[in-house]
Amino acid sequence: MCYDDLVSNHQRTKPGVARLTITLSDERHRALREAAVKRRKTIGQLIEESLEFYGIKTARSAEALVAKARARAALTEPDALRRAVAETRAVRRR
């Protein structure tokens, strides 16, 4: 089953916005709802912020981040790729 098949199972509220159903314990749901009220945000906004915090980014935001980093580093694409591969290998060796 591909991602598009899974997404098609969710209701769409607006173009580009998927509706998702998750299962939480009553206690967790209550805590989430209380946190949203305290922060004057929706539960959806809290979840979006949490995903960002944990590094789960959209492809568009990840590409923008890479472009910004490349511009700051003044690296060509081949140089950036070589550096990324070298650093990834170094981390995997640990």
PDB file of N, CA and C in Angstrom:
ATOM      1  N   MET A   1       0.854  -1.173   0.000  1.00  0.00           N
ATOM      2  CA  MET A   1       0.000   0.000   0.000  1.00  0.00           C
ATOM      3  C   MET A   1       0.897   1.232   0.000  1.00  0.00           C
ATOM      4  N   CYS A   2       0.626   2.168  -0.877  1.00  0.00           N
ATOM      5  CA  CYS A   2       1.447   3.373  -0.936  1.00  0.00           C
ATOM      6  C   CYS A   2       0.826   4.492  -0.099  1.00  0.00           C
ATOM      7  N   TYR A   3       1.607   5.540   0.077  1.00  0.00           N
ATOM      8  CA  TYR A   3       1.167   6.680   0.899  1.00  0.00           C
ATOM      9  C   TYR A   3      -0.128   7.271   0.363  1.00  0.00           C
ATOM     10  N   ASP A   4      -0.240   7.423  -0.966  1.00  0.00           N
ATOM     11  CA  ASP A   4      -1.454   8.020  -1.539  1.00  0.00           C
ATOM     12  C   ASP A   4      -2.701   7.212  -1.198  1.00  0.00           C
ATOM     13  N   ASP A   5      -2.554   5.874  -1.129  1.00  0.00           N
ATOM     14  CA  ASP A   5      -3.689   5.038  -0.742  1.00  0.00           C
ATOM     15  C   ASP A   5      -4.092   5.326   0.697  1.00  0.00           C
ATOM     16  N   LEU A   6      -3.095   5.506   1.554  1.00  0.00           N
ATOM     17  CA  LEU A   6      -3.390   5.804   2.951  1.00  0.00           C
ATOM     18  C   LEU A   6      -4.050   7.168   3.087  1.00  0.00           C
ATOM     19  N   VAL A   7      -3.528   8.163   2.370  1.00  0.00           N
ATOM     20  CA  VAL A   7      -4.083   9.510   2.448  1.00  0.00           C
ATOM     21  C   VAL A   7      -5.511   9.537   1.944  1.00  0.00           C
ATOM     22  N   SER A   8      -5.804   8.745   0.926  1.00  0.00           N
ATOM     23  CA  SER A   8      -7.159   8.760   0.379  1.00  0.00           C
ATOM     24  C   SER A   8      -8.186   8.234   1.387  1.00  0.00           C
ATOM     25  N   ASN A   9      -7.710   7.512   2.404  1.00  0.00           N
ATOM     26  CA  ASN A   9      -8.614   7.031   3.444  1.00  0.00           C
ATOM     27  C   ASN A   9      -9.016   8.121   4.425  1.00  0.00           C
ATOM     28  N   HIS A  10      -8.317   9.249   4.402  1.00  0.00           N
ATOM     29  CA  HIS A  10      -8.607  10.353   5.311  1.00  0.00           C
ATOM     30  C   HIS A  10      -9.494  11.371   4.607  1.00  0.00           C
ATOM     31  N   GLN A  11     -10.360  11.980   5.375  1.00  0.00           N
ATOM     32  CA  GLN A  11     -11.182  13.047   4.826  1.00  0.00           C
ATOM     33  C   GLN A  11     -10.323  14.257   4.575  1.00  0.00           C
ATOM     34  N   ARG A  12     -10.599  14.955   3.520  1.00  0.00           N
ATOM     35  CA  ARG A  12      -9.913  16.210   3.245  1.00  0.00           C
ATOM     36  C   ARG A  12     -10.849  17.338   3.634  1.00  0.00           C
ATOM     37  N   THR A  13     -10.357  18.256   4.457  1.00  0.00           N
ATOM     38  CA  THR A  13     -11.180  19.381   4.875  1.00  0.00           C
ATOM     39  C   THR A  13     -11.031  20.550   3.919  1.00  0.00           C
ATOM     40  N   LYS A  14      -9.825  20.794   3.427  1.00  0.00           N
ATOM     41  CA  LYS A  14      -9.511  21.847   2.476  1.00  0.00           C
ATOM     42  C   LYS A  14      -8.456  21.288   1.543  1.00  0.00           C
ATOM     43  N   PRO A  15      -8.277  21.891   0.381  1.00  0.00           N
ATOM     44  CA  PRO A  15      -7.181  21.431  -0.482  1.00  0.00           C
ATOM     45  C   PRO A  15      -5.852  21.562   0.260  1.00  0.00           C
ATOM     46  N   GLY A  16      -5.048  20.519   0.212  1.00  0.00           N
ATOM     47  CA  GLY A  16      -3.749  20.547   0.866  1.00  0.00           C
ATOM     48  C   GLY A  16      -3.777  20.280   2.357  1.00  0.00           C
ATOM     49  N   VAL A  17      -4.940  19.946   2.914  1.00  0.00           N
ATOM     50  CA  VAL A  17      -5.057  19.674   4.348  1.00  0.00           C
ATOM     51  C   VAL A  17      -5.756  18.329   4.519  1.00  0.00           C
ATOM     52  N   ALA A  18      -5.083  17.389   5.182  1.00  0.00           N
ATOM     53  CA  ALA A  18      -5.672  16.071   5.424  1.00  0.00           C
ATOM     54  C   ALA A  18      -6.204  16.004   6.845  1.00  0.00           C
ATOM     55  N   ARG A  19      -7.254  15.268   7.012  1.00  0.00           N
ATOM     56  CA  ARG A  19      -7.819  15.044   8.332  1.00  0.00           C
ATOM     57  C   ARG A  19      -7.323  13.679   8.797  1.00  0.00           C
ATOM     58  N   LEU A  20      -6.892  13.589  10.048  1.00  0.00           N
ATOM     59  CA  LEU A  20      -6.279  12.377  10.574  1.00  0.00           C
ATOM     60  C   LEU A  20      -6.963  11.987  11.876  1.00  0.00           C
ATOM     61  N   THR A  21      -7.219  10.709  12.040  1.00  0.00           N
ATOM     62  CA  THR A  21      -7.792  10.213  13.288  1.00  0.00           C
ATOM     63  C   THR A  21      -6.723   9.409  14.013  1.00  0.00           C
ATOM     64  N   ILE A  22      -6.492   9.739  15.289  1.00  0.00           N
ATOM     65  CA  ILE A  22      -5.537   8.982  16.095  1.00  0.00           C
ATOM     66  C   ILE A  22      -6.239   8.487  17.352  1.00  0.00           C
ATOM     67  N   THR A  23      -5.675   7.482  17.967  1.00  0.00           N
ATOM     68  CA  THR A  23      -6.232   6.935  19.193  1.00  0.00           C
ATOM     69  C   THR A  23      -5.293   7.267  20.352  1.00  0.00           C
ATOM     70  N   LEU A  24      -5.846   7.937  21.356  1.00  0.00           N
ATOM     71  CA  LEU A  24      -5.098   8.292  22.562  1.00  0.00           C
ATOM     72  C   LEU A  24      -5.879   7.808  23.771  1.00  0.00           C
ATOM     73  N   SER A  25      -5.160   7.603  24.855  1.00  0.00           N
ATOM     74  CA  SER A  25      -5.861   7.291  26.097  1.00  0.00           C
ATOM     75  C   SER A  25      -6.661   8.522  26.505  1.00  0.00           C
ATOM     76  N   ASP A  26      -7.699   8.319  27.298  1.00  0.00           N
ATOM     77  CA  ASP A  26      -8.494   9.454  27.772  1.00  0.00           C
ATOM     78  C   ASP A  26      -7.611  10.450  28.513  1.00  0.00           C
ATOM     79  N   GLU A  27      -6.687   9.925  29.315  1.00  0.00           N
ATOM     80  CA  GLU A  27      -5.805  10.783  30.103  1.00  0.00           C
ATOM     81  C   GLU A  27      -4.907  11.637  29.197  1.00  0.00           C
ATOM     82  N   ARG A  28      -4.329  11.021  28.161  1.00  0.00           N
ATOM     83  CA  ARG A  28      -3.458  11.755  27.234  1.00  0.00           C
ATOM     84  C   ARG A  28      -4.271  12.806  26.465  1.00  0.00           C
ATOM     85  N   HIS A  29      -5.468  12.437  26.024  1.00  0.00           N
ATOM     86  CA  HIS A  29      -6.320  13.372  25.292  1.00  0.00           C
ATOM     87  C   HIS A  29      -6.677  14.576  26.166  1.00  0.00           C
ATOM     88  N   ARG A  30      -7.011  14.312  27.400  1.00  0.00           N
ATOM     89  CA  ARG A  30      -7.348  15.394  28.338  1.00  0.00           C
ATOM     90  C   ARG A  30      -6.145  16.324  28.529  1.00  0.00           C
ATOM     91  N   ALA A  31      -4.959  15.748  28.700  1.00  0.00           N
ATOM     92  CA  ALA A  31      -3.741  16.543  28.879  1.00  0.00           C
ATOM     93  C   ALA A  31      -3.447  17.380  27.631  1.00  0.00           C
ATOM     94  N   LEU A  32      -3.650  16.799  26.466  1.00  0.00           N
ATOM     95  CA  LEU A  32      -3.425  17.519  25.214  1.00  0.00           C
ATOM     96  C   LEU A  32      -4.405  18.673  25.068  1.00  0.00           C
ATOM     97  N   ARG A  33      -5.652  18.415  25.381  1.00  0.00           N
ATOM     98  CA  ARG A  33      -6.688  19.451  25.296  1.00  0.00           C
ATOM     99  C   ARG A  33      -6.384  20.590  26.276  1.00  0.00           C
ATOM    100  N   GLU A  34      -5.974  20.244  27.499  1.00  0.00           N
ATOM    101  CA  GLU A  34      -5.635  21.259  28.503  1.00  0.00           C
ATOM    102  C   GLU A  34      -4.429  22.087  28.061  1.00  0.00           C
ATOM    103  N   ALA A  35      -3.427  21.431  27.495  1.00  0.00           N
ATOM    104  CA  ALA A  35      -2.241  22.152  27.020  1.00  0.00           C
ATOM    105  C   ALA A  35      -2.612  23.122  25.900  1.00  0.00           C
ATOM    106  N   ALA A  36      -3.503  22.700  25.021  1.00  0.00           N
ATOM    107  CA  ALA A  36      -3.937  23.571  23.930  1.00  0.00           C
ATOM    108  C   ALA A  36      -4.663  24.801  24.470  1.00  0.00           C
ATOM    109  N   VAL A  37      -5.539  24.589  25.443  1.00  0.00           N
ATOM    110  CA  VAL A  37      -6.282  25.702  26.029  1.00  0.00           C
ATOM    111  C   VAL A  37      -5.324  26.677  26.715  1.00  0.00           C
ATOM    112  N   LYS A  38      -4.371  26.153  27.488  1.00  0.00           N
ATOM    113  CA  LYS A  38      -3.410  27.010  28.194  1.00  0.00           C
ATOM    114  C   LYS A  38      -2.594  27.862  27.226  1.00  0.00           C
ATOM    115  N   ARG A  39      -2.272  27.281  26.079  1.00  0.00           N
ATOM    116  CA  ARG A  39      -1.440  27.991  25.104  1.00  0.00           C
ATOM    117  C   ARG A  39      -2.268  28.770  24.077  1.00  0.00           C
ATOM    118  N   ARG A  40      -3.595  28.696  24.235  1.00  0.00           N
ATOM    119  CA  ARG A  40      -4.520  29.360  23.297  1.00  0.00           C
ATOM    120  C   ARG A  40      -4.264  28.923  21.858  1.00  0.00           C
ATOM    121  N   LYS A  41      -4.153  27.613  21.692  1.00  0.00           N
ATOM    122  CA  LYS A  41      -3.930  27.011  20.383  1.00  0.00           C
ATOM    123  C   LYS A  41      -4.880  25.844  20.217  1.00  0.00           C
ATOM    124  N   THR A  42      -4.985  25.372  18.987  1.00  0.00           N
ATOM    125  CA  THR A  42      -5.776  24.169  18.754  1.00  0.00           C
ATOM    126  C   THR A  42      -4.879  22.952  18.982  1.00  0.00           C
ATOM    127  N   ILE A  43      -5.500  21.806  19.147  1.00  0.00           N
ATOM    128  CA  ILE A  43      -4.731  20.563  19.275  1.00  0.00           C
ATOM    129  C   ILE A  43      -3.912  20.360  18.001  1.00  0.00           C
ATOM    130  N   GLY A  44      -4.491  20.650  16.858  1.00  0.00           N
ATOM    131  CA  GLY A  44      -3.776  20.514  15.588  1.00  0.00           C
ATOM    132  C   GLY A  44      -2.531  21.382  15.541  1.00  0.00           C
ATOM    133  N   GLN A  45      -2.636  22.610  16.042  1.00  0.00           N
ATOM    134  CA  GLN A  45      -1.472  23.497  16.068  1.00  0.00           C
ATOM    135  C   GLN A  45      -0.377  22.945  16.981  1.00  0.00           C
ATOM    136  N   LEU A  46      -0.765  22.394  18.122  1.00  0.00           N
ATOM    137  CA  LEU A  46       0.230  21.792  19.023  1.00  0.00           C
ATOM    138  C   LEU A  46       0.936  20.618  18.355  1.00  0.00           C
ATOM    139  N   ILE A  47       0.172  19.811  17.657  1.00  0.00           N
ATOM    140  CA  ILE A  47       0.759  18.654  16.978  1.00  0.00           C
ATOM    141  C   ILE A  47       1.711  19.115  15.877  1.00  0.00           C
ATOM    142  N   GLU A  48       1.301  20.121  15.082  1.00  0.00           N
ATOM    143  CA  GLU A  48       2.173  20.665  14.033  1.00  0.00           C
ATOM    144  C   GLU A  48       3.485  21.169  14.644  1.00  0.00           C
ATOM    145  N   GLU A  49       3.407  21.921  15.741  1.00  0.00           N
ATOM    146  CA  GLU A  49       4.599  22.440  16.408  1.00  0.00           C
ATOM    147  C   GLU A  49       5.482  21.300  16.923  1.00  0.00           C
ATOM    148  N   SER A  50       4.867  20.269  17.458  1.00  0.00           N
ATOM    149  CA  SER A  50       5.623  19.123  17.970  1.00  0.00           C
ATOM    150  C   SER A  50       6.364  18.415  16.850  1.00  0.00           C
ATOM    151  N   LEU A  51       5.713  18.261  15.711  1.00  0.00           N
ATOM    152  CA  LEU A  51       6.358  17.618  14.567  1.00  0.00           C
ATOM    153  C   LEU A  51       7.558  18.436  14.100  1.00  0.00           C
ATOM    154  N   GLU A  52       7.409  19.740  14.042  1.00  0.00           N
ATOM    155  CA  GLU A  52       8.526  20.619  13.683  1.00  0.00           C
ATOM    156  C   GLU A  52       9.664  20.452  14.682  1.00  0.00           C
ATOM    157  N   PHE A  53       9.323  20.468  15.978  1.00  0.00           N
ATOM    158  CA  PHE A  53      10.319  20.341  17.035  1.00  0.00           C
ATOM    159  C   PHE A  53      11.125  19.053  16.886  1.00  0.00           C
ATOM    160  N   TYR A  54      10.462  17.957  16.514  1.00  0.00           N
ATOM    161  CA  TYR A  54      11.136  16.672  16.357  1.00  0.00           C
ATOM    162  C   TYR A  54      11.754  16.487  14.982  1.00  0.00           C
ATOM    163  N   GLY A  55      11.789  17.571  14.190  1.00  0.00           N
ATOM    164  CA  GLY A  55      12.493  17.517  12.907  1.00  0.00           C
ATOM    165  C   GLY A  55      11.713  16.890  11.779  1.00  0.00           C
ATOM    166  N   ILE A  56      10.428  16.707  11.953  1.00  0.00           N
ATOM    167  CA  ILE A  56       9.613  16.138  10.886  1.00  0.00           C
ATOM    168  C   ILE A  56       9.126  17.301  10.034  1.00  0.00           C
ATOM    169  N   LYS A  57       9.772  17.452   8.875  1.00  0.00           N
ATOM    170  CA  LYS A  57       9.530  18.606   8.037  1.00  0.00           C
ATOM    171  C   LYS A  57       8.909  18.196   6.708  1.00  0.00           C
ATOM    172  N   THR A  58       8.222  19.130   6.110  1.00  0.00           N
ATOM    173  CA  THR A  58       7.709  18.896   4.766  1.00  0.00           C
ATOM    174  C   THR A  58       8.888  18.914   3.807  1.00  0.00           C
ATOM    175  N   ALA A  59       8.722  18.320   2.640  1.00  0.00           N
ATOM    176  CA  ALA A  59       9.794  18.326   1.647  1.00  0.00           C
ATOM    177  C   ALA A  59      10.162  19.757   1.278  1.00  0.00           C
ATOM    178  N   ARG A  60       9.162  20.617   1.158  1.00  0.00           N
ATOM    179  CA  ARG A  60       9.413  22.015   0.783  1.00  0.00           C
ATOM    180  C   ARG A  60      10.266  22.730   1.836  1.00  0.00           C
ATOM    181  N   SER A  61       9.938  22.548   3.121  1.00  0.00           N
ATOM    182  CA  SER A  61      10.724  23.240   4.153  1.00  0.00           C
ATOM    183  C   SER A  61      12.124  22.642   4.269  1.00  0.00           C
ATOM    184  N   ALA A  62      12.262  21.349   4.047  1.00  0.00           N
ATOM    185  CA  ALA A  62      13.586  20.716   4.086  1.00  0.00           C
ATOM    186  C   ALA A  62      14.449  21.225   2.934  1.00  0.00           C
ATOM    187  N   GLU A  63      13.861  21.354   1.753  1.00  0.00           N
ATOM    188  CA  GLU A  63      14.606  21.875   0.597  1.00  0.00           C
ATOM    189  C   GLU A  63      15.040  23.317   0.843  1.00  0.00           C
ATOM    190  N   ALA A  64      14.162  24.116   1.447  1.00  0.00           N
ATOM    191  CA  ALA A  64      14.506  25.504   1.744  1.00  0.00           C
ATOM    192  C   ALA A  64      15.654  25.564   2.751  1.00  0.00           C
ATOM    193  N   LEU A  65      15.623  24.680   3.735  1.00  0.00           N
ATOM    194  CA  LEU A  65      16.685  24.635   4.741  1.00  0.00           C
ATOM    195  C   LEU A  65      18.017  24.256   4.103  1.00  0.00           C
ATOM    196  N   VAL A  66      18.007  23.279   3.215  1.00  0.00           N
ATOM    197  CA  VAL A  66      19.227  22.859   2.520  1.00  0.00           C
ATOM    198  C   VAL A  66      19.745  24.001   1.648  1.00  0.00           C
ATOM    199  N   ALA A  67      18.851  24.674   0.936  1.00  0.00           N
ATOM    200  CA  ALA A  67      19.271  25.792   0.077  1.00  0.00           C
ATOM    201  C   ALA A  67      19.899  26.910   0.905  1.00  0.00           C
ATOM    202  N   LYS A  68      19.309  27.196   2.049  1.00  0.00           N
ATOM    203  CA  LYS A  68      19.837  28.247   2.930  1.00  0.00           C
ATOM    204  C   LYS A  68      21.221  27.860   3.455  1.00  0.00           C
ATOM    205  N   ALA A  69      21.372  26.614   3.875  1.00  0.00           N
ATOM    206  CA  ALA A  69      22.660  26.143   4.384  1.00  0.00           C
ATOM    207  C   ALA A  69      23.716  26.165   3.288  1.00  0.00           C
ATOM    208  N   ARG A  70      23.339  25.753   2.087  1.00  0.00           N
ATOM    209  CA  ARG A  70      24.287  25.748   0.975  1.00  0.00           C
ATOM    210  C   ARG A  70      24.738  27.165   0.651  1.00  0.00           C
ATOM    211  N   ALA A  71      23.800  28.108   0.666  1.00  0.00           N
ATOM    212  CA  ALA A  71      24.145  29.503   0.367  1.00  0.00           C
ATOM    213  C   ALA A  71      25.093  30.062   1.423  1.00  0.00           C
ATOM    214  N   ARG A  72      24.842  29.741   2.682  1.00  0.00           N
ATOM    215  CA  ARG A  72      25.712  30.229   3.769  1.00  0.00           C
ATOM    216  C   ARG A  72      27.102  29.627   3.683  1.00  0.00           C
ATOM    217  N   ALA A  73      27.171  28.370   3.284  1.00  0.00           N
ATOM    218  CA  ALA A  73      28.454  27.673   3.235  1.00  0.00           C
ATOM    219  C   ALA A  73      29.230  27.994   1.964  1.00  0.00           C
ATOM    220  N   ALA A  74      28.565  28.594   0.991  1.00  0.00           N
ATOM    221  CA  ALA A  74      29.186  28.930  -0.295  1.00  0.00           C
ATOM    222  C   ALA A  74      29.801  27.687  -0.938  1.00  0.00           C
ATOM    223  N   LEU A  75      29.092  26.568  -0.861  1.00  0.00           N
ATOM    224  CA  LEU A  75      29.559  25.322  -1.471  1.00  0.00           C
ATOM    225  C   LEU A  75      28.838  25.078  -2.780  1.00  0.00           C
ATOM    226  N   THR A  76      29.541  24.461  -3.721  1.00  0.00           N
ATOM    227  CA  THR A  76      28.868  24.013  -4.934  1.00  0.00           C
ATOM    228  C   THR A  76      28.080  22.762  -4.576  1.00  0.00           C
ATOM    229  N   GLU A  77      27.158  22.378  -5.426  1.00  0.00           N
ATOM    230  CA  GLU A  77      26.365  21.185  -5.140  1.00  0.00           C
ATOM    231  C   GLU A  77      27.238  19.941  -4.992  1.00  0.00           C
ATOM    232  N   PRO A  78      28.225  19.701  -5.886  1.00  0.00           N
ATOM    233  CA  PRO A  78      29.087  18.515  -5.705  1.00  0.00           C
ATOM    234  C   PRO A  78      29.882  18.558  -4.395  1.00  0.00           C
ATOM    235  N   ASP A  79      30.385  19.747  -4.023  1.00  0.00           N
ATOM    236  CA  ASP A  79      31.120  19.859  -2.762  1.00  0.00           C
ATOM    237  C   ASP A  79      30.215  19.590  -1.562  1.00  0.00           C
ATOM    238  N   ALA A  80      29.004  20.127  -1.616  1.00  0.00           N
ATOM    239  CA  ALA A  80      28.044  19.905  -0.529  1.00  0.00           C
ATOM    240  C   ALA A  80      27.711  18.422  -0.410  1.00  0.00           C
ATOM    241  N   LEU A  81      27.530  17.755  -1.544  1.00  0.00           N
ATOM    242  CA  LEU A  81      27.211  16.326  -1.531  1.00  0.00           C
ATOM    243  C   LEU A  81      28.373  15.523  -0.961  1.00  0.00           C
ATOM    244  N   ARG A  82      29.603  15.839  -1.372  1.00  0.00           N
ATOM    245  CA  ARG A  82      30.773  15.124  -0.837  1.00  0.00           C
ATOM    246  C   ARG A  82      30.870  15.301   0.681  1.00  0.00           C
ATOM    247  N   ARG A  83      30.653  16.523   1.137  1.00  0.00           N
ATOM    248  CA  ARG A  83      30.742  16.789   2.573  1.00  0.00           C
ATOM    249  C   ARG A  83      29.639  16.037   3.328  1.00  0.00           C
ATOM    250  N   ALA A  84      28.422  16.044   2.785  1.00  0.00           N
ATOM    251  CA  ALA A  84      27.311  15.347   3.439  1.00  0.00           C
ATOM    252  C   ALA A  84      27.580  13.851   3.531  1.00  0.00           C
ATOM    253  N   VAL A  85      28.095  13.266   2.459  1.00  0.00           N
ATOM    254  CA  VAL A  85      28.404  11.831   2.463  1.00  0.00           C
ATOM    255  C   VAL A  85      29.497  11.530   3.483  1.00  0.00           C
ATOM    256  N   ALA A  86      30.530  12.349   3.511  1.00  0.00           N
ATOM    257  CA  ALA A  86      31.631  12.125   4.460  1.00  0.00           C
ATOM    258  C   ALA A  86      31.136  12.222   5.902  1.00  0.00           C
ATOM    259  N   GLU A  87      30.321  13.219   6.193  1.00  0.00           N
ATOM    260  CA  GLU A  87      29.824  13.380   7.561  1.00  0.00           C
ATOM    261  C   GLU A  87      28.864  12.254   7.943  1.00  0.00           C
ATOM    262  N   THR A  88      28.049  11.820   6.996  1.00  0.00           N
ATOM    263  CA  THR A  88      27.135  10.702   7.278  1.00  0.00           C
ATOM    264  C   THR A  88      27.926   9.430   7.575  1.00  0.00           C
ATOM    265  N   ARG A  89      28.947   9.166   6.785  1.00  0.00           N
ATOM    266  CA  ARG A  89      29.797   7.975   7.026  1.00  0.00           C
ATOM    267  C   ARG A  89      30.475   8.047   8.387  1.00  0.00           C
ATOM    268  N   ALA A  90      30.963   9.238   8.749  1.00  0.00           N
ATOM    269  CA  ALA A  90      31.632   9.395  10.043  1.00  0.00           C
ATOM    270  C   ALA A  90      30.689   9.093  11.190  1.00  0.00           C
ATOM    271  N   VAL A  91      29.445   9.545  11.093  1.00  0.00           N
ATOM    272  CA  VAL A  91      28.461   9.291  12.150  1.00  0.00           C
ATOM    273  C   VAL A  91      28.120   7.819  12.219  1.00  0.00           C
ATOM    274  N   ARG A  92      28.001   7.174  11.082  1.00  0.00           N
ATOM    275  CA  ARG A  92      27.643   5.737  11.063  1.00  0.00           C
ATOM    276  C   ARG A  92      28.741   4.865  11.625  1.00  0.00           C
ATOM    277  N   ARG A  93      29.976   5.296  11.570  1.00  0.00           N
ATOM    278  CA  ARG A  93      31.113   4.514  12.101  1.00  0.00           C
ATOM    279  C   ARG A  93      31.144   4.500  13.615  1.00  0.00           C
ATOM    280  N   ARG A  94      30.513   5.457  14.241  1.00  0.00           N
ATOM    281  CA  ARG A  94      30.551   5.559  15.713  1.00  0.00           C
ATOM    282  C   ARG A  94      29.896   4.389  16.380  1.00  0.00           C
TER     283      ARG A  94
END
